[in-house]
Each structure stands twice: as C-alpha cells, then as structure tokens.
Amino acid sequence: MLHLAMPFGAMHGWGICSQHLAKSLSRLTPLTFLTDRFSPQNVNGVLDYMYLQRFTRNLAEYVESPDYSPPGAVIQAMFNDSLLPWEPRLRGQFNLGYIFSEQTVYSQECIENARRSFDVIAAGSTWCEGVLRQQGLSNTRTIIQGVDRSVFNPSANRKDLFSDRFVVYSGGKFELRKGQDLVIRAFAELARRHDDVLLVASWFNPWANHMDSMRLSRHIDYEPGQSFEAAMERILAANGLDRNRVLLLPPSPHHEMGRVYKNCDVGIFPNRCEGGTNLVLMEFLACGKPAIASFSTGHKDIVSSRNSLLLEDLETIQITDGQGGLHSVWDDPNLDELIENLEWAYLHPEQLAALGKRAGEDLKAHTWEASARRFYNQVARAL
C-alpha cells in the first residue's frame, strides 16, 4: 500500500505534480492520495476528478481519524525552508520526501529534520540533489517531473494566431528568481529594433512577498501596486514597454497553456535558480517550441545546445535570509547575452524551428508515467 501526500490545485506546480503522480501511481500499486482543497474546480477536467476521488482522502481528517494506521510506504512533499514533511504526523514503514528547493544553505536543525523524517529524499533535479548532498544528506536521489503528453506535444504546433508577429513567451511567477526583469529589458530592446514583436507573459503571482523580491533587481524600476494587475501595469509603464506589444495573461487553466505555447515563436527562461527542472520550460519545449534558457541549476537536466539557445555567461549572486545570513547562491544571466540570443532567434526562423523540433523529440522521454515508475521502484526496493 502506498500513501501519497502532496498539495492539490490546478494553478500551481505542486498541484499539477500531485494529481499526475497520483493518477500514474494508482496504475502501479494500491494508492491512497492524501491532500487538501480537493474539488472539481481544482482539477484539470471533470473526468480526472471522478477518477481521483475514488482513492483520495482529506489529509488532516485522515491523520486525525481513529483508524489511522498507514501500512506500507509514504511519499510526501517537503517544506523547502525547514526540510520537514508536509504532514509530520503521517508516518509509514518507509518514508520518502520530495523537494524542489532553491535554497543552498541550511542550518543543522533543518538537516536533522530531514534525517529524522525520511528514509530517502527525492530531489526535483540533479542540482537540487547535489545541494542536499553537500549539506550532508547523502540518501538523496533525483526524480525529474513529467509532462502531460496529451496536452504538451508537437502536434499541430504551427501558429494560427498572431501569424504576422514574432511572438515571445515568458512564464512563471513574477519574481527575482524567475528573471522577468531580464525579460522586460531584453524585449524592450527587441521592440526598439523591430515593429512586429509581441510579448505573451504569464506572470501571475498571488504572493506579494515573493513578487517584492524584484526590488533587488538592477535592471528594472519596480513599482508595487494594490493588486497584481495594478502592479504589472505600473511596472510595464515604468520600464517603457508599450502595452500594445504585451499580452499579460490572467491565471489560466493548465490544459489551455499548450495552445498558448503553440502560438509563440520562442520562449525566454532566464531563471536565476530552479530547484526542479522548471515545469513551464519542459511543457514549452515538449510542444516543439524553442527556448532561450539559462544553462544552470535545474535547467541543466533538460536543455542542451541541440534543443535550446543557452545563456551561459552567468554571474554568481548571493541571496540573504533577510537577517544578513546567507540563504542561497544563484546564477545571474547576462542581459547582453540574452538580447543577442533573442535577436538571433528573430533573424533565423528556420534554425529556430529546428531547435524546437529537437526539443519536442528530447522531451518525449519525460512523462509522468516515467516519474511515477521511479518513485514506485524506490518504494519497492525498500519494502
């Protein structure tokens, strides 16, 4: 028996990961999916909801029930800052933690939390695994996320919208780590040179404290607002972007994003750090679309010179914890290299398309079924 305990939802990475892993693991072994916020509105499709509800239970109610006694193994999400399990009261014969952390420095207390709570830790990238090992957690493995191939695939990926524009895509929560300040500056320069360019931005961030990390950017003027929408209007205006050249997408159902990606010419991912492999980048590439991506941290498991334009001129930056202590060491891409790659992409459509075709082929190997099988193999070897 396997218990999977992870956050649920249709609009964030953990939620997408949990429901795909639950579906795939249920085909391999008897499964109890323990989560919160489970409702039809938080699932990508009513059929998926009806399938999942057969073996889904509310996590808090489950651990508080009189008959609580989980046999077998538990796979559980971990908190990035403390390295504790999502629900410390949930314990099995074998306990496996899953983490996507961008933090590179941990206290001894955090390390002991992980050792005490888990038999094995699965990291979302080889970079994340390396960080945890350097911190003293040797019983760590890498398990890369998958891609929903029914949605994100190269089929019918020719643009049928904005065919008269060179469309640049940028995705991820608007924050310093994701690098949208670099996107704004690079796209502004591309727009200065060419009249037919359009930026499609999927940057919604409901967490103001994360968004405020952009105050640290040396590339843009950051103008916070009363809401995300108001803040973005002020930021775009403060940095000289013509709103007629920017489509700022609202939060959208995950299954609609494949159509968005397929109507773009190139994606920009100058992320400063990724504890996982960046699911948005993976899905974009899986659609047979080329990307300009930082060649660092979790991205290195996915991108290569044969499927992407790489940002390799990187400067190390230190992120503090707000009290003067070192929290993380990240890689800061070079703005001039990003502009150069974006200009090359604009001028070389045929070579760009060839990169996208290769990307679509490379991402075929990364499925949720493959990820679930790796989890199952870890559990099967332990029990």
Protein backbone atom coordinates (compact mmCIF):
# COMPACT_ATOMS: atom_id res chain seq x y z
CA MET A 1 0.00 0.00 0.00
CA LEU A 2 1.27 3.47 -0.93
CA HIS A 3 0.23 6.82 0.56
CA LEU A 4 0.90 9.96 -1.50
CA ALA A 5 0.64 13.22 0.45
CA MET A 6 1.01 16.42 -1.57
CA PRO A 7 -0.71 19.81 -2.01
CA PHE A 8 -3.52 19.96 -4.52
CA GLY A 9 -4.61 22.56 -7.05
CA ALA A 10 -4.79 23.31 -10.76
CA MET A 11 -2.88 26.61 -10.74
CA HIS A 12 0.49 25.81 -9.16
CA GLY A 13 3.32 23.37 -9.74
CA TRP A 14 2.80 21.18 -6.69
CA GLY A 15 -0.87 20.72 -7.56
CA ILE A 16 -0.13 19.72 -11.13
CA CYS A 17 2.61 17.36 -9.96
CA SER A 18 0.46 15.70 -7.30
CA GLN A 19 -2.53 14.90 -9.47
CA HIS A 20 -0.41 13.48 -12.29
CA LEU A 21 1.66 11.38 -9.91
CA ALA A 22 -1.50 10.15 -8.20
CA LYS A 23 -3.02 9.02 -11.48
CA SER A 24 0.17 7.31 -12.64
CA LEU A 25 0.99 5.65 -9.31
CA SER A 26 -2.55 4.30 -8.99
CA ARG A 27 -1.89 2.20 -12.08
CA LEU A 28 1.15 0.63 -10.43
CA THR A 29 0.02 -0.08 -6.86
CA PRO A 30 -2.89 0.34 -4.44
CA LEU A 31 -2.85 4.03 -3.54
CA THR A 32 -4.31 6.47 -1.05
CA PHE A 33 -3.96 10.07 -2.25
CA LEU A 34 -3.90 12.40 0.77
CA THR A 35 -4.30 16.08 0.05
CA ASP A 36 -6.30 19.26 0.67
CA ARG A 37 -8.57 21.51 -1.40
CA PHE A 38 -9.73 18.54 -3.45
CA SER A 39 -12.64 19.73 -5.58
CA PRO A 40 -13.73 19.68 -9.24
CA GLN A 41 -12.60 23.31 -9.56
CA ASN A 42 -9.02 22.36 -8.66
CA VAL A 43 -8.65 19.53 -11.16
CA ASN A 44 -7.81 19.79 -14.83
CA GLY A 45 -11.02 18.20 -16.04
CA VAL A 46 -14.12 16.61 -14.57
CA LEU A 47 -13.12 13.14 -15.73
CA ASP A 48 -9.81 13.40 -13.85
CA TYR A 49 -11.71 14.46 -10.73
CA MET A 50 -14.05 11.49 -10.93
CA TYR A 51 -11.10 9.13 -11.37
CA LEU A 52 -9.10 10.61 -8.48
CA GLN A 53 -11.94 10.83 -5.99
CA ARG A 54 -12.12 7.04 -5.67
CA PHE A 55 -8.87 6.92 -3.70
CA THR A 56 -8.49 10.50 -2.43
CA ARG A 57 -8.93 11.46 1.23
CA ASN A 58 -8.51 14.72 3.13
CA LEU A 59 -5.08 14.63 4.74
CA ALA A 60 -5.97 16.35 8.03
CA GLU A 61 -9.07 14.21 8.56
CA TYR A 62 -7.13 11.05 7.75
CA VAL A 63 -4.34 11.54 10.30
CA GLU A 64 -6.91 12.50 12.96
CA SER A 65 -9.22 9.53 12.34
CA PRO A 66 -9.43 6.73 14.95
CA ASP A 67 -8.44 4.08 12.42
CA TYR A 68 -5.34 5.95 11.27
CA SER A 69 -2.58 3.40 10.73
CA PRO A 70 -0.86 3.75 7.36
CA PRO A 71 0.74 0.49 6.29
CA GLY A 72 3.37 0.39 3.60
CA ALA A 73 5.14 3.46 2.25
CA VAL A 74 4.53 7.20 2.38
CA ILE A 75 5.66 9.65 -0.32
CA GLN A 76 5.31 13.17 0.96
CA ALA A 77 6.05 16.76 -0.10
CA MET A 78 8.71 18.59 1.91
CA PHE A 79 8.87 22.20 3.04
CA ASN A 80 11.80 23.94 1.35
CA ASP A 81 12.79 26.11 4.29
CA SER A 82 12.63 23.59 7.16
CA LEU A 83 13.02 20.25 5.32
CA LEU A 84 10.09 18.95 7.35
CA PRO A 85 7.35 16.76 5.85
CA TRP A 86 4.13 18.42 4.78
CA GLU A 87 2.29 16.45 7.50
CA PRO A 88 4.70 15.31 10.24
CA ARG A 89 2.06 13.04 11.81
CA LEU A 90 1.92 10.89 8.69
CA ARG A 91 4.41 8.04 9.04
CA GLY A 92 4.79 4.77 7.16
CA GLN A 93 7.10 1.77 7.20
CA PHE A 94 9.13 3.65 4.58
CA ASN A 95 9.11 7.43 4.21
CA LEU A 96 10.20 9.23 1.05
CA GLY A 97 10.29 13.02 0.78
CA TYR A 98 10.01 15.02 -2.45
CA ILE A 99 11.51 18.50 -2.72
CA PHE A 100 12.10 21.31 -5.21
CA SER A 101 14.31 23.72 -3.28
CA GLU A 102 16.25 26.77 -4.44
CA GLN A 103 17.84 27.24 -1.03
CA THR A 104 21.53 26.31 -0.90
CA VAL A 105 22.39 26.85 2.78
CA TYR A 106 20.63 25.01 5.62
CA SER A 107 21.01 25.02 9.39
CA GLN A 108 21.94 21.84 11.19
CA GLU A 109 18.42 21.78 12.63
CA CYS A 110 16.94 21.57 9.13
CA ILE A 111 19.32 18.78 8.17
CA GLU A 112 18.31 16.83 11.27
CA ASN A 113 14.63 17.40 10.40
CA ALA A 114 15.21 15.67 7.08
CA ARG A 115 17.23 12.81 8.55
CA ARG A 116 14.65 12.17 11.23
CA SER A 117 11.66 12.35 8.88
CA PHE A 118 12.74 10.49 5.74
CA ASP A 119 14.47 7.29 4.72
CA VAL A 120 15.11 8.66 1.24
CA ILE A 121 14.75 12.13 -0.29
CA ALA A 122 13.85 12.60 -3.94
CA ALA A 123 15.09 15.90 -5.38
CA GLY A 124 13.47 17.52 -8.39
CA SER A 125 16.78 17.99 -10.21
CA THR A 126 20.36 16.77 -10.09
CA TRP A 127 21.37 20.28 -8.99
CA CYS A 128 18.99 20.10 -6.02
CA GLU A 129 20.28 16.63 -5.17
CA GLY A 130 23.84 17.98 -5.24
CA VAL A 131 22.95 20.81 -2.87
CA LEU A 132 21.34 18.42 -0.37
CA ARG A 133 24.32 16.08 -0.54
CA GLN A 134 26.70 18.98 0.08
CA GLN A 135 24.64 19.80 3.16
CA GLY A 136 25.12 16.25 4.45
CA LEU A 137 22.00 14.43 3.19
CA SER A 138 23.60 11.53 1.34
CA ASN A 139 20.48 9.37 0.98
CA THR A 140 19.15 11.55 -1.84
CA ARG A 141 18.04 10.69 -5.38
CA THR A 142 16.88 12.70 -8.39
CA ILE A 143 13.40 12.16 -9.80
CA ILE A 144 12.50 14.57 -12.60
CA GLN A 145 8.96 15.73 -13.22
CA GLY A 146 6.94 14.60 -16.19
CA VAL A 147 4.95 16.29 -18.93
CA ASP A 148 1.33 15.59 -19.81
CA ARG A 149 1.89 14.44 -23.39
CA SER A 150 -1.83 14.56 -24.18
CA VAL A 151 -1.64 18.37 -23.93
CA PHE A 152 2.00 19.32 -24.42
CA ASN A 153 3.21 17.77 -27.65
CA PRO A 154 4.45 18.95 -31.08
CA SER A 155 1.22 18.03 -32.87
CA ALA A 156 -0.42 20.89 -34.78
CA ASN A 157 2.03 23.42 -33.35
CA ARG A 158 2.06 25.87 -36.24
CA LYS A 159 0.84 29.30 -35.20
CA ASP A 160 -2.75 30.12 -36.14
CA LEU A 161 -2.88 33.35 -34.12
CA PHE A 162 -0.64 36.43 -34.45
CA SER A 163 0.93 34.98 -37.56
CA ASP A 164 2.08 38.46 -38.56
CA ARG A 165 4.04 38.94 -35.32
CA PHE A 166 7.17 37.46 -33.81
CA VAL A 167 5.73 36.18 -30.54
CA VAL A 168 7.93 35.83 -27.46
CA TYR A 169 6.64 33.86 -24.47
CA SER A 170 7.66 34.32 -20.84
CA GLY A 171 6.14 32.34 -17.97
CA GLY A 172 6.46 31.79 -14.25
CA LYS A 173 5.58 33.79 -11.14
CA PHE A 174 6.80 37.38 -11.40
CA GLU A 175 9.77 37.43 -9.00
CA LEU A 176 13.52 37.92 -8.98
CA ARG A 177 14.28 34.18 -9.15
CA LYS A 178 12.32 33.72 -12.37
CA GLY A 179 14.13 36.59 -14.11
CA GLN A 180 11.28 38.56 -15.67
CA ASP A 181 13.26 41.76 -15.08
CA LEU A 182 15.72 40.45 -17.68
CA VAL A 183 12.83 39.57 -20.00
CA ILE A 184 11.45 43.12 -19.75
CA ARG A 185 14.79 44.69 -20.63
CA ALA A 186 15.58 42.24 -23.44
CA PHE A 187 12.13 42.50 -25.01
CA ALA A 188 12.20 46.31 -24.79
CA GLU A 189 15.40 46.27 -26.84
CA LEU A 190 13.93 43.83 -29.37
CA ALA A 191 10.84 46.04 -29.69
CA ARG A 192 13.06 49.08 -30.26
CA ARG A 193 14.67 47.29 -33.21
CA HIS A 194 11.60 45.61 -34.72
CA ASP A 195 7.98 46.73 -35.06
CA ASP A 196 6.40 43.28 -35.38
CA VAL A 197 7.23 41.73 -31.99
CA LEU A 198 4.76 40.72 -29.27
CA LEU A 199 5.37 39.53 -25.70
CA VAL A 200 2.96 36.99 -24.21
CA ALA A 201 3.51 37.00 -20.45
CA SER A 202 2.03 34.51 -17.98
CA TRP A 203 3.38 36.05 -14.76
CA PHE A 204 0.58 35.90 -12.21
CA ASN A 205 1.92 35.81 -8.65
CA PRO A 206 -0.53 35.76 -5.73
CA TRP A 207 2.28 36.09 -3.16
CA ALA A 208 3.21 39.75 -2.75
CA ASN A 209 6.30 38.99 -0.65
CA HIS A 210 7.78 36.89 -3.46
CA MET A 211 6.89 39.49 -6.05
CA ASP A 212 8.57 42.17 -3.94
CA SER A 213 11.89 40.37 -4.42
CA MET A 214 12.03 42.36 -7.67
CA ARG A 215 13.07 45.34 -5.53
CA LEU A 216 16.53 43.77 -5.68
CA SER A 217 16.70 43.91 -9.49
CA ARG A 218 19.33 46.16 -11.02
CA HIS A 219 17.58 46.03 -14.40
CA ILE A 220 14.10 47.47 -13.85
CA ASP A 221 12.23 50.04 -11.84
CA TYR A 222 9.88 48.12 -9.57
CA GLU A 223 6.51 49.76 -8.87
CA PRO A 224 4.28 47.74 -6.50
CA GLY A 225 0.51 48.14 -6.67
CA GLN A 226 -2.61 47.28 -4.72
CA SER A 227 -3.17 44.18 -6.85
CA PHE A 228 -1.10 42.06 -9.20
CA GLU A 229 -2.79 43.62 -12.22
CA ALA A 230 -2.23 47.16 -10.97
CA ALA A 231 1.38 46.39 -10.12
CA MET A 232 2.09 44.97 -13.58
CA GLU A 233 0.55 47.99 -15.32
CA ARG A 234 2.81 50.27 -13.29
CA ILE A 235 5.91 48.13 -13.83
CA LEU A 236 5.43 47.88 -17.60
CA ALA A 237 4.83 51.62 -17.86
CA ALA A 238 7.78 52.50 -15.59
CA ASN A 239 10.10 50.44 -17.80
CA GLY A 240 8.96 51.83 -21.14
CA LEU A 241 7.06 48.86 -22.55
CA ASP A 242 4.27 49.65 -25.00
CA ARG A 243 1.16 47.87 -23.66
CA ASN A 244 0.07 47.24 -27.26
CA ARG A 245 3.09 44.95 -27.52
CA VAL A 246 2.39 42.95 -24.36
CA LEU A 247 -0.34 40.40 -23.72
CA LEU A 248 -0.49 39.90 -19.97
CA LEU A 249 -2.35 36.62 -19.46
CA PRO A 250 -4.67 36.12 -16.49
CA PRO A 251 -4.39 32.89 -14.47
CA SER A 252 -5.43 30.23 -16.96
CA PRO A 253 -6.42 26.55 -16.74
CA HIS A 254 -3.35 24.41 -17.14
CA HIS A 255 -4.76 22.46 -20.08
CA GLU A 256 -5.13 25.71 -22.08
CA MET A 257 -1.44 26.53 -21.94
CA GLY A 258 -0.49 24.13 -24.72
CA ARG A 259 -2.40 26.30 -27.18
CA VAL A 260 -0.66 29.38 -25.82
CA TYR A 261 2.78 27.83 -26.30
CA LYS A 262 2.00 26.65 -29.82
CA ASN A 263 1.16 30.20 -30.87
CA CYS A 264 4.57 31.52 -29.84
CA ASP A 265 7.86 31.62 -31.76
CA VAL A 266 10.30 31.43 -28.85
CA GLY A 267 10.26 31.25 -25.07
CA ILE A 268 12.58 33.15 -22.73
CA PHE A 269 13.62 31.50 -19.44
CA PRO A 270 16.50 33.47 -17.84
CA ASN A 271 15.75 31.93 -14.46
CA ARG A 272 18.33 32.56 -11.76
CA CYS A 273 17.59 29.31 -9.96
CA GLU A 274 15.31 26.28 -10.32
CA GLY A 275 15.21 23.54 -7.70
CA GLY A 276 13.27 21.39 -10.15
CA THR A 277 13.54 21.31 -13.91
CA ASN A 278 11.03 24.17 -14.42
CA LEU A 279 7.78 22.53 -15.50
CA VAL A 280 6.75 25.51 -17.64
CA LEU A 281 10.00 25.23 -19.61
CA MET A 282 9.54 21.48 -20.00
CA GLU A 283 5.99 21.88 -21.30
CA PHE A 284 7.02 24.66 -23.70
CA LEU A 285 9.81 22.52 -25.16
CA ALA A 286 7.52 19.47 -25.32
CA CYS A 287 5.28 21.45 -27.68
CA GLY A 288 8.17 21.54 -30.14
CA LYS A 289 8.89 25.18 -29.40
CA PRO A 290 12.42 26.58 -28.98
CA ALA A 291 13.59 28.35 -25.84
CA ILE A 292 16.31 30.69 -24.68
CA ALA A 293 17.22 29.37 -21.24
CA SER A 294 19.80 29.84 -18.52
CA PHE A 295 22.13 26.86 -18.51
CA SER A 296 22.27 26.41 -14.77
CA THR A 297 20.67 24.71 -11.75
CA GLY A 298 17.65 22.53 -12.62
CA HIS A 299 17.52 23.65 -16.25
CA LYS A 300 20.68 21.65 -16.98
CA ASP A 301 18.71 18.39 -16.76
CA ILE A 302 16.53 19.49 -19.68
CA VAL A 303 18.19 21.98 -22.03
CA SER A 304 21.22 21.50 -24.24
CA SER A 305 22.82 23.23 -27.19
CA ARG A 306 20.90 20.97 -29.56
CA ASN A 307 17.42 21.89 -28.29
CA SER A 308 17.78 25.43 -26.91
CA LEU A 309 19.69 28.69 -27.09
CA LEU A 310 21.73 28.67 -23.89
CA LEU A 311 22.56 31.52 -21.54
CA GLU A 312 26.00 30.52 -20.26
CA ASP A 313 27.51 33.87 -19.22
CA LEU A 314 26.45 33.66 -15.59
CA GLU A 315 27.46 35.67 -12.54
CA THR A 316 27.13 34.24 -9.05
CA ILE A 317 24.86 36.23 -6.75
CA GLN A 318 24.19 35.75 -3.06
CA ILE A 319 20.70 35.89 -1.59
CA THR A 320 20.38 36.68 2.10
CA ASP A 321 17.71 35.47 4.51
CA GLY A 322 16.54 38.94 5.50
CA GLN A 323 18.64 38.94 8.65
CA GLY A 324 22.01 39.21 6.96
CA GLY A 325 22.69 35.48 6.77
CA LEU A 326 23.41 33.65 3.52
CA HIS A 327 20.32 31.85 2.21
CA SER A 328 21.21 30.86 -1.36
CA VAL A 329 23.75 31.22 -4.14
CA TRP A 330 22.16 31.65 -7.57
CA ASP A 331 23.32 32.25 -11.16
CA ASP A 332 22.52 35.63 -12.71
CA PRO A 333 22.31 35.60 -16.55
CA ASN A 334 23.97 38.32 -18.61
CA LEU A 335 21.46 40.73 -20.16
CA ASP A 336 23.57 41.37 -23.27
CA GLU A 337 23.80 37.63 -23.97
CA LEU A 338 20.02 37.35 -23.65
CA ILE A 339 19.47 40.25 -26.08
CA GLU A 340 21.95 38.72 -28.52
CA ASN A 341 20.17 35.35 -28.45
CA LEU A 342 16.75 36.97 -28.81
CA GLU A 343 17.92 38.95 -31.83
CA TRP A 344 19.39 35.78 -33.36
CA ALA A 345 16.09 34.00 -32.84
CA TYR A 346 14.24 36.81 -34.61
CA LEU A 347 16.62 36.75 -37.59
CA HIS A 348 16.90 32.95 -38.03
CA PRO A 349 13.39 31.42 -38.11
CA GLU A 350 14.40 28.20 -39.86
CA GLN A 351 17.25 27.39 -37.47
CA LEU A 352 14.99 28.34 -34.58
CA ALA A 353 12.30 25.93 -35.76
CA ALA A 354 14.91 23.14 -35.99
CA LEU A 355 15.80 23.70 -32.32
CA GLY A 356 12.12 23.44 -31.42
CA LYS A 357 11.73 20.20 -33.34
CA ARG A 358 14.67 18.69 -31.48
CA ALA A 359 13.24 19.90 -28.18
CA GLY A 360 9.95 18.15 -28.89
CA GLU A 361 11.83 14.92 -29.53
CA ASP A 362 14.00 15.21 -26.42
CA LEU A 363 11.06 15.83 -24.08
CA LYS A 364 9.28 12.64 -25.14
CA ALA A 365 11.32 10.80 -22.53
CA HIS A 366 9.95 12.91 -19.67
CA THR A 367 6.48 11.60 -18.87
CA TRP A 368 4.54 11.42 -15.62
CA GLU A 369 4.40 7.66 -16.07
CA ALA A 370 8.21 7.55 -16.06
CA SER A 371 8.36 9.73 -12.93
CA ALA A 372 5.82 7.52 -11.14
CA ARG A 373 7.77 4.40 -12.07
CA ARG A 374 10.92 5.85 -10.48
CA PHE A 375 9.01 6.58 -7.27
CA TYR A 376 7.50 3.11 -7.28
CA ASN A 377 10.91 1.49 -7.79
CA GLN A 378 12.33 3.37 -4.79
CA VAL A 379 9.46 2.15 -2.63
CA ALA A 380 9.53 -1.42 -3.96
CA ARG A 381 13.22 -1.78 -3.21
CA ALA A 382 12.70 -0.66 0.38
CA LEU A 383 9.74 -2.89 1.32
